[in-house]
């Protein structure tokens, strides 16, 4: 049986180091496994301009072409899944099978998170200078970012990275899902607090050749906390091995 070559696009803040343990476990099932550090993360510096999903997909294409992989399986996690959807919709001939783990594909036109980011963009400094916020500045910021809007990614970014983040969360890609013909495995943690499992259930209805696997005890980082089960499900998807 011919083995696949696996390329991984990490989520926002992820890189080859955060996927190291997963790669060690899954490597034997592939001819090659490559984690691509997307610009702003790992060994890849931020771009000089504010990129969106389109530019990240083009970057992924250039990096994948350098590898000269055939029989390619592409795995995208979270933001990397958003990039993967854009990539496969534009270059369907490159990828044989697609794996999406908690992909951030649905970006609603209006949400409390985006509304909050808009306020920060306009009144950020003044907001945190208010007496009742300034007194407990760090605590309040963590509460706002992590608990209320659920985004450490925004809190941990600055400069160009933050501008890119504000752009990509506005890019909804659900219109591309029906166009993806490649066999697709969608993985989701039932306890995912970052991207709700309802998005996965919606995706599988929109994609003509997809299957959804929900991890009952999984969160957003399946490749960290549910490695063994994730690998079994991927093997079954790629090689028809029973999990």
C-alpha atoms as a PDB file:
ATOM      1  CA  UNK A   1       0.000   0.000   0.000  1.00  0.00           C
ATOM      2  CA  UNK A   2       1.382   3.365  -1.011  1.00  0.00           C
ATOM      3  CA  UNK A   3       1.881   5.710   1.909  1.00  0.00           C
ATOM      4  CA  UNK A   4       0.827   9.326   1.877  1.00  0.00           C
ATOM      5  CA  UNK A   5       3.004  12.349   2.414  1.00  0.00           C
ATOM      6  CA  UNK A   6       1.532  14.546   5.144  1.00  0.00           C
ATOM      7  CA  UNK A   7       1.767  18.336   5.330  1.00  0.00           C
ATOM      8  CA  UNK A   8       0.487  20.076   8.462  1.00  0.00           C
ATOM      9  CA  UNK A   9      -0.648  23.707   8.655  1.00  0.00           C
ATOM     10  CA  UNK A  10      -0.745  24.672  12.363  1.00  0.00           C
ATOM     11  CA  UNK A  11      -3.309  26.927  13.952  1.00  0.00           C
ATOM     12  CA  UNK A  12      -2.706  30.497  15.089  1.00  0.00           C
ATOM     13  CA  UNK A  13       0.292  30.460  17.422  1.00  0.00           C
ATOM     14  CA  UNK A  14       1.261  26.918  16.460  1.00  0.00           C
ATOM     15  CA  UNK A  15       4.450  25.770  14.731  1.00  0.00           C
ATOM     16  CA  UNK A  16       6.622  22.704  14.191  1.00  0.00           C
ATOM     17  CA  UNK A  17       7.523  22.652  17.907  1.00  0.00           C
ATOM     18  CA  UNK A  18       3.911  22.478  19.096  1.00  0.00           C
ATOM     19  CA  UNK A  19       3.357  19.552  16.713  1.00  0.00           C
ATOM     20  CA  UNK A  20       6.616  17.754  17.518  1.00  0.00           C
ATOM     21  CA  UNK A  21       5.145  15.000  19.735  1.00  0.00           C
ATOM     22  CA  UNK A  22       2.298  14.332  17.314  1.00  0.00           C
ATOM     23  CA  UNK A  23       4.701  14.073  14.383  1.00  0.00           C
ATOM     24  CA  UNK A  24       6.894  11.588  16.272  1.00  0.00           C
ATOM     25  CA  UNK A  25       3.923   9.289  16.784  1.00  0.00           C
ATOM     26  CA  UNK A  26       2.400   9.538  13.313  1.00  0.00           C
ATOM     27  CA  UNK A  27       5.586   9.620  11.242  1.00  0.00           C
ATOM     28  CA  UNK A  28       5.796   5.864  10.734  1.00  0.00           C
ATOM     29  CA  UNK A  29       2.506   5.875   8.824  1.00  0.00           C
ATOM     30  CA  UNK A  30       3.740   8.304   6.148  1.00  0.00           C
ATOM     31  CA  UNK A  31       6.601   8.556   3.703  1.00  0.00           C
ATOM     32  CA  UNK A  32       7.197  12.100   4.908  1.00  0.00           C
ATOM     33  CA  UNK A  33       5.642  14.471   7.447  1.00  0.00           C
ATOM     34  CA  UNK A  34       6.246  18.200   7.166  1.00  0.00           C
ATOM     35  CA  UNK A  35       4.944  20.958   9.452  1.00  0.00           C
ATOM     36  CA  UNK A  36       4.933  24.334   7.707  1.00  0.00           C
ATOM     37  CA  UNK A  37       5.566  27.302   9.978  1.00  0.00           C
ATOM     38  CA  UNK A  38       3.186  29.954   8.679  1.00  0.00           C
ATOM     39  CA  UNK A  39       4.486  33.559   8.645  1.00  0.00           C
ATOM     40  CA  UNK A  40       4.504  35.165  12.122  1.00  0.00           C
ATOM     41  CA  UNK A  41       5.055  31.803  13.818  1.00  0.00           C
ATOM     42  CA  UNK A  42       7.939  29.475  14.550  1.00  0.00           C
ATOM     43  CA  UNK A  43      10.878  30.059  12.249  1.00  0.00           C
ATOM     44  CA  UNK A  44       8.872  32.152   9.771  1.00  0.00           C
ATOM     45  CA  UNK A  45       8.879  35.962  10.315  1.00  0.00           C
ATOM     46  CA  UNK A  46       5.807  38.127   9.788  1.00  0.00           C
ATOM     47  CA  UNK A  47       5.242  39.475   6.288  1.00  0.00           C
ATOM     48  CA  UNK A  48       5.852  43.190   5.616  1.00  0.00           C
ATOM     49  CA  UNK A  49       2.168  43.798   4.847  1.00  0.00           C
ATOM     50  CA  UNK A  50      -1.130  42.734   6.395  1.00  0.00           C
ATOM     51  CA  UNK A  51      -1.869  39.301   4.984  1.00  0.00           C
ATOM     52  CA  UNK A  52      -5.222  37.592   4.740  1.00  0.00           C
ATOM     53  CA  UNK A  53      -6.132  33.949   4.144  1.00  0.00           C
ATOM     54  CA  UNK A  54      -5.422  34.309   0.412  1.00  0.00           C
ATOM     55  CA  UNK A  55      -1.783  35.267   0.996  1.00  0.00           C
ATOM     56  CA  UNK A  56      -1.308  32.500   3.541  1.00  0.00           C
ATOM     57  CA  UNK A  57      -2.702  29.971   1.064  1.00  0.00           C
ATOM     58  CA  UNK A  58      -0.256  31.186  -1.579  1.00  0.00           C
ATOM     59  CA  UNK A  59       2.591  30.875   0.916  1.00  0.00           C
ATOM     60  CA  UNK A  60       1.515  27.307   1.680  1.00  0.00           C
ATOM     61  CA  UNK A  61       1.446  26.515  -2.034  1.00  0.00           C
ATOM     62  CA  UNK A  62       4.982  27.809  -2.522  1.00  0.00           C
ATOM     63  CA  UNK A  63       6.280  25.809   0.448  1.00  0.00           C
ATOM     64  CA  UNK A  64       4.508  22.629  -0.626  1.00  0.00           C
ATOM     65  CA  UNK A  65       5.856  22.924  -4.166  1.00  0.00           C
ATOM     66  CA  UNK A  66       9.389  22.983  -2.751  1.00  0.00           C
ATOM     67  CA  UNK A  67       8.785  19.582  -1.156  1.00  0.00           C
ATOM     68  CA  UNK A  68       7.907  17.805  -4.437  1.00  0.00           C
ATOM     69  CA  UNK A  69       5.514  15.527  -2.570  1.00  0.00           C
ATOM     70  CA  UNK A  70       3.165  13.221  -4.419  1.00  0.00           C
ATOM     71  CA  UNK A  71       0.141  11.483  -2.916  1.00  0.00           C
ATOM     72  CA  UNK A  72      -0.314  14.424  -0.565  1.00  0.00           C
ATOM     73  CA  UNK A  73      -2.575  14.569   2.478  1.00  0.00           C
ATOM     74  CA  UNK A  74      -3.052  18.035   3.976  1.00  0.00           C
ATOM     75  CA  UNK A  75      -3.922  18.561   7.642  1.00  0.00           C
ATOM     76  CA  UNK A  76      -5.017  22.013   8.795  1.00  0.00           C
ATOM     77  CA  UNK A  77      -5.745  22.918  12.404  1.00  0.00           C
ATOM     78  CA  UNK A  78      -7.910  25.908  13.405  1.00  0.00           C
ATOM     79  CA  UNK A  79      -6.521  28.897  11.450  1.00  0.00           C
ATOM     80  CA  UNK A  80      -4.415  26.395   9.497  1.00  0.00           C
ATOM     81  CA  UNK A  81      -7.707  24.708   8.596  1.00  0.00           C
ATOM     82  CA  UNK A  82      -9.012  28.014   7.319  1.00  0.00           C
ATOM     83  CA  UNK A  83      -5.914  28.308   5.130  1.00  0.00           C
ATOM     84  CA  UNK A  84      -6.256  24.678   4.021  1.00  0.00           C
ATOM     85  CA  UNK A  85      -9.840  25.234   2.847  1.00  0.00           C
ATOM     86  CA  UNK A  86      -8.735  28.202   0.776  1.00  0.00           C
ATOM     87  CA  UNK A  87      -5.757  26.254  -0.580  1.00  0.00           C
ATOM     88  CA  UNK A  88      -7.708  23.150  -1.623  1.00  0.00           C
ATOM     89  CA  UNK A  89     -10.515  25.174  -3.186  1.00  0.00           C
ATOM     90  CA  UNK A  90      -7.956  26.969  -5.354  1.00  0.00           C
ATOM     91  CA  UNK A  91      -5.541  24.094  -6.037  1.00  0.00           C
ATOM     92  CA  UNK A  92      -7.671  20.910  -5.940  1.00  0.00           C
ATOM     93  CA  UNK A  93      -5.194  18.942  -8.033  1.00  0.00           C
ATOM     94  CA  UNK A  94      -2.436  19.123  -5.401  1.00  0.00           C
ATOM     95  CA  UNK A  95      -4.172  17.440  -2.451  1.00  0.00           C
ATOM     96  CA  UNK A  96      -5.431  13.845  -2.511  1.00  0.00           C
ATOM     97  CA  UNK A  97      -7.093  13.922   0.909  1.00  0.00           C
ATOM     98  CA  UNK A  98      -7.887  16.734   3.326  1.00  0.00           C
ATOM     99  CA  UNK A  99      -7.973  16.602   7.130  1.00  0.00           C
ATOM    100  CA  UNK A 100      -9.409  19.523   9.091  1.00  0.00           C
ATOM    101  CA  UNK A 101      -9.099  19.742  12.887  1.00  0.00           C
ATOM    102  CA  UNK A 102     -11.363  22.351  14.457  1.00  0.00           C
ATOM    103  CA  UNK A 103     -11.045  24.612  11.375  1.00  0.00           C
ATOM    104  CA  UNK A 104     -11.967  28.275  11.793  1.00  0.00           C
ATOM    105  CA  UNK A 105     -14.007  28.489   8.600  1.00  0.00           C
ATOM    106  CA  UNK A 106     -17.139  30.273   9.795  1.00  0.00           C
ATOM    107  CA  UNK A 107     -16.541  33.931  10.560  1.00  0.00           C
ATOM    108  CA  UNK A 108     -19.946  35.551  11.210  1.00  0.00           C
ATOM    109  CA  UNK A 109     -20.428  39.071   9.882  1.00  0.00           C
ATOM    110  CA  UNK A 110     -21.379  40.218  13.355  1.00  0.00           C
ATOM    111  CA  UNK A 111     -20.249  38.701  16.617  1.00  0.00           C
ATOM    112  CA  UNK A 112     -19.488  39.996  20.072  1.00  0.00           C
ATOM    113  CA  UNK A 113     -15.846  39.079  19.516  1.00  0.00           C
ATOM    114  CA  UNK A 114     -15.532  41.164  16.362  1.00  0.00           C
ATOM    115  CA  UNK A 115     -17.493  44.028  17.990  1.00  0.00           C
ATOM    116  CA  UNK A 116     -15.056  43.985  20.903  1.00  0.00           C
ATOM    117  CA  UNK A 117     -12.049  44.024  18.578  1.00  0.00           C
ATOM    118  CA  UNK A 118     -13.570  47.009  16.795  1.00  0.00           C
ATOM    119  CA  UNK A 119     -13.852  48.871  20.080  1.00  0.00           C
ATOM    120  CA  UNK A 120     -10.244  48.032  20.901  1.00  0.00           C
ATOM    121  CA  UNK A 121      -9.082  49.304  17.527  1.00  0.00           C
ATOM    122  CA  UNK A 122     -10.787  52.650  18.126  1.00  0.00           C
ATOM    123  CA  UNK A 123     -10.593  53.138  21.859  1.00  0.00           C
ATOM    124  CA  UNK A 124      -8.093  50.538  23.086  1.00  0.00           C
ATOM    125  CA  UNK A 125      -5.679  52.769  24.993  1.00  0.00           C
ATOM    126  CA  UNK A 126      -8.405  54.995  26.428  1.00  0.00           C
ATOM    127  CA  UNK A 127     -10.449  51.972  27.458  1.00  0.00           C
ATOM    128  CA  UNK A 128      -7.653  50.545  29.591  1.00  0.00           C
ATOM    129  CA  UNK A 129      -6.940  53.954  31.088  1.00  0.00           C
ATOM    130  CA  UNK A 130     -10.361  54.085  32.720  1.00  0.00           C
ATOM    131  CA  UNK A 131      -9.883  54.096  36.538  1.00  0.00           C
ATOM    132  CA  UNK A 132     -11.875  50.951  37.273  1.00  0.00           C
ATOM    133  CA  UNK A 133      -9.948  49.040  34.587  1.00  0.00           C
ATOM    134  CA  UNK A 134      -6.502  50.549  35.065  1.00  0.00           C
ATOM    135  CA  UNK A 135      -6.412  49.575  38.735  1.00  0.00           C
ATOM    136  CA  UNK A 136      -6.568  45.900  37.861  1.00  0.00           C
ATOM    137  CA  UNK A 137      -5.278  46.267  34.331  1.00  0.00           C
ATOM    138  CA  UNK A 138      -3.649  42.859  33.785  1.00  0.00           C
ATOM    139  CA  UNK A 139      -6.438  40.957  35.516  1.00  0.00           C
ATOM    140  CA  UNK A 140      -9.143  42.798  33.570  1.00  0.00           C
ATOM    141  CA  UNK A 141      -7.349  42.297  30.255  1.00  0.00           C
ATOM    142  CA  UNK A 142      -7.043  38.556  30.861  1.00  0.00           C
ATOM    143  CA  UNK A 143     -10.703  38.384  31.857  1.00  0.00           C
ATOM    144  CA  UNK A 144     -11.787  40.242  28.725  1.00  0.00           C
ATOM    145  CA  UNK A 145      -9.550  38.328  26.350  1.00  0.00           C
ATOM    146  CA  UNK A 146      -9.718  34.815  27.752  1.00  0.00           C
ATOM    147  CA  UNK A 147     -13.115  34.528  29.394  1.00  0.00           C
ATOM    148  CA  UNK A 148     -15.419  37.006  27.688  1.00  0.00           C
ATOM    149  CA  UNK A 149     -14.231  36.930  24.065  1.00  0.00           C
ATOM    150  CA  UNK A 150     -12.238  33.705  24.353  1.00  0.00           C
ATOM    151  CA  UNK A 151      -9.189  34.941  22.499  1.00  0.00           C
ATOM    152  CA  UNK A 152      -5.727  34.667  23.956  1.00  0.00           C
ATOM    153  CA  UNK A 153      -4.573  34.978  20.353  1.00  0.00           C
ATOM    154  CA  UNK A 154      -5.486  38.663  20.269  1.00  0.00           C
ATOM    155  CA  UNK A 155      -3.961  39.320  23.674  1.00  0.00           C
ATOM    156  CA  UNK A 156      -0.711  37.578  22.732  1.00  0.00           C
ATOM    157  CA  UNK A 157      -0.297  39.418  19.435  1.00  0.00           C
ATOM    158  CA  UNK A 158       1.026  42.877  18.631  1.00  0.00           C
ATOM    159  CA  UNK A 159       2.058  44.974  15.655  1.00  0.00           C
ATOM    160  CA  UNK A 160       1.754  43.246  12.283  1.00  0.00           C
ATOM    161  CA  UNK A 161       0.622  39.964  13.846  1.00  0.00           C
ATOM    162  CA  UNK A 162      -2.321  41.681  15.534  1.00  0.00           C
ATOM    163  CA  UNK A 163      -3.313  43.453  12.304  1.00  0.00           C
ATOM    164  CA  UNK A 164      -3.244  40.137  10.460  1.00  0.00           C
ATOM    165  CA  UNK A 165      -5.323  38.524  13.195  1.00  0.00           C
ATOM    166  CA  UNK A 166      -7.964  41.255  12.926  1.00  0.00           C
ATOM    167  CA  UNK A 167      -8.117  40.650   9.167  1.00  0.00           C
ATOM    168  CA  UNK A 168      -8.364  36.864   9.128  1.00  0.00           C
ATOM    169  CA  UNK A 169     -11.196  36.757  11.689  1.00  0.00           C
ATOM    170  CA  UNK A 170     -13.275  38.729   9.187  1.00  0.00           C
ATOM    171  CA  UNK A 171     -12.770  36.228   6.365  1.00  0.00           C
ATOM    172  CA  UNK A 172     -15.631  33.760   6.237  1.00  0.00           C
ATOM    173  CA  UNK A 173     -14.944  30.852   3.867  1.00  0.00           C
ATOM    174  CA  UNK A 174     -18.110  28.797   4.120  1.00  0.00           C
ATOM    175  CA  UNK A 175     -18.973  29.580   0.485  1.00  0.00           C
ATOM    176  CA  UNK A 176     -15.961  27.486  -0.562  1.00  0.00           C
ATOM    177  CA  UNK A 177     -16.995  24.307   1.262  1.00  0.00           C
ATOM    178  CA  UNK A 178     -19.396  22.917  -1.406  1.00  0.00           C
ATOM    179  CA  UNK A 179     -16.632  23.337  -4.000  1.00  0.00           C
ATOM    180  CA  UNK A 180     -14.190  20.991  -2.241  1.00  0.00           C
ATOM    181  CA  UNK A 181     -14.338  17.583  -3.905  1.00  0.00           C
ATOM    182  CA  UNK A 182     -11.364  15.959  -2.148  1.00  0.00           C
ATOM    183  CA  UNK A 183     -12.258  13.307   0.441  1.00  0.00           C
ATOM    184  CA  UNK A 184     -12.249  15.230   3.719  1.00  0.00           C
ATOM    185  CA  UNK A 185     -12.026  14.142   7.341  1.00  0.00           C
ATOM    186  CA  UNK A 186     -13.313  16.739   9.811  1.00  0.00           C
ATOM    187  CA  UNK A 187     -12.129  16.311  13.400  1.00  0.00           C
ATOM    188  CA  UNK A 188     -13.702  18.131  16.334  1.00  0.00           C
ATOM    189  CA  UNK A 189     -13.509  18.084  20.101  1.00  0.00           C
ATOM    190  CA  UNK A 190     -16.912  18.036  21.755  1.00  0.00           C
ATOM    191  CA  UNK A 191     -15.489  20.325  24.451  1.00  0.00           C
ATOM    192  CA  UNK A 192     -13.853  22.761  22.031  1.00  0.00           C
ATOM    193  CA  UNK A 193     -14.182  26.209  23.640  1.00  0.00           C
ATOM    194  CA  UNK A 194     -12.621  28.096  20.724  1.00  0.00           C
ATOM    195  CA  UNK A 195     -14.489  26.798  17.686  1.00  0.00           C
ATOM    196  CA  UNK A 196     -17.879  25.219  18.522  1.00  0.00           C
ATOM    197  CA  UNK A 197     -18.646  21.674  17.467  1.00  0.00           C
ATOM    198  CA  UNK A 198     -21.852  22.931  15.815  1.00  0.00           C
ATOM    199  CA  UNK A 199     -19.587  24.375  13.106  1.00  0.00           C
ATOM    200  CA  UNK A 200     -18.327  20.876  12.332  1.00  0.00           C
ATOM    201  CA  UNK A 201     -21.868  19.536  12.042  1.00  0.00           C
ATOM    202  CA  UNK A 202     -22.689  22.374   9.666  1.00  0.00           C
ATOM    203  CA  UNK A 203     -19.524  21.777   7.608  1.00  0.00           C
ATOM    204  CA  UNK A 204     -20.170  18.099   6.992  1.00  0.00           C
ATOM    205  CA  UNK A 205     -23.592  18.967   5.535  1.00  0.00           C
ATOM    206  CA  UNK A 206     -22.032  21.496   3.166  1.00  0.00           C
ATOM    207  CA  UNK A 207     -19.131  19.373   1.905  1.00  0.00           C
ATOM    208  CA  UNK A 208     -20.073  16.660  -0.609  1.00  0.00           C
ATOM    209  CA  UNK A 209     -17.338  14.167   0.271  1.00  0.00           C
ATOM    210  CA  UNK A 210     -16.703  14.639   3.985  1.00  0.00           C
ATOM    211  CA  UNK A 211     -16.968  12.765   7.273  1.00  0.00           C
ATOM    212  CA  UNK A 212     -17.121  14.226  10.785  1.00  0.00           C
ATOM    213  CA  UNK A 213     -15.505  12.530  13.779  1.00  0.00           C
ATOM    214  CA  UNK A 214     -16.248  14.040  17.186  1.00  0.00           C
ATOM    215  CA  UNK A 215     -13.922  13.361  20.112  1.00  0.00           C
ATOM    216  CA  UNK A 216     -16.125  13.109  23.193  1.00  0.00           C
ATOM    217  CA  UNK A 217     -13.310  14.100  25.557  1.00  0.00           C
ATOM    218  CA  UNK A 218     -11.526  16.413  23.140  1.00  0.00           C
ATOM    219  CA  UNK A 219     -11.017  20.158  23.149  1.00  0.00           C
ATOM    220  CA  UNK A 220      -9.412  22.408  20.559  1.00  0.00           C
ATOM    221  CA  UNK A 221      -5.922  20.895  20.725  1.00  0.00           C
ATOM    222  CA  UNK A 222      -6.653  17.321  19.680  1.00  0.00           C
ATOM    223  CA  UNK A 223      -3.065  16.864  18.438  1.00  0.00           C
ATOM    224  CA  UNK A 224      -1.832  17.605  21.970  1.00  0.00           C
ATOM    225  CA  UNK A 225      -4.355  15.954  24.276  1.00  0.00           C
ATOM    226  CA  UNK A 226      -5.926  13.274  22.051  1.00  0.00           C
ATOM    227  CA  UNK A 227      -2.951  12.218  19.921  1.00  0.00           C
ATOM    228  CA  UNK A 228      -3.488   8.457  19.954  1.00  0.00           C
ATOM    229  CA  UNK A 229      -7.176   8.569  19.061  1.00  0.00           C
ATOM    230  CA  UNK A 230      -6.544  11.231  16.434  1.00  0.00           C
ATOM    231  CA  UNK A 231      -3.881   9.116  14.749  1.00  0.00           C
ATOM    232  CA  UNK A 232      -6.135   6.032  14.719  1.00  0.00           C
ATOM    233  CA  UNK A 233      -8.941   7.989  13.062  1.00  0.00           C
ATOM    234  CA  UNK A 234      -6.572   9.481  10.480  1.00  0.00           C
ATOM    235  CA  UNK A 235      -5.131   6.051   9.654  1.00  0.00           C
ATOM    236  CA  UNK A 236      -8.623   4.683   9.129  1.00  0.00           C
ATOM    237  CA  UNK A 237      -9.474   7.613   6.851  1.00  0.00           C
ATOM    238  CA  UNK A 238      -6.310   7.385   4.745  1.00  0.00           C
ATOM    239  CA  UNK A 239      -5.668   3.643   4.687  1.00  0.00           C
ATOM    240  CA  UNK A 240      -9.037   2.166   5.617  1.00  0.00           C
ATOM    241  CA  UNK A 241      -7.530   0.724   8.807  1.00  0.00           C
ATOM    242  CA  UNK A 242     -10.104   0.045  11.475  1.00  0.00           C
ATOM    243  CA  UNK A 243      -9.672   2.353  14.525  1.00  0.00           C
END
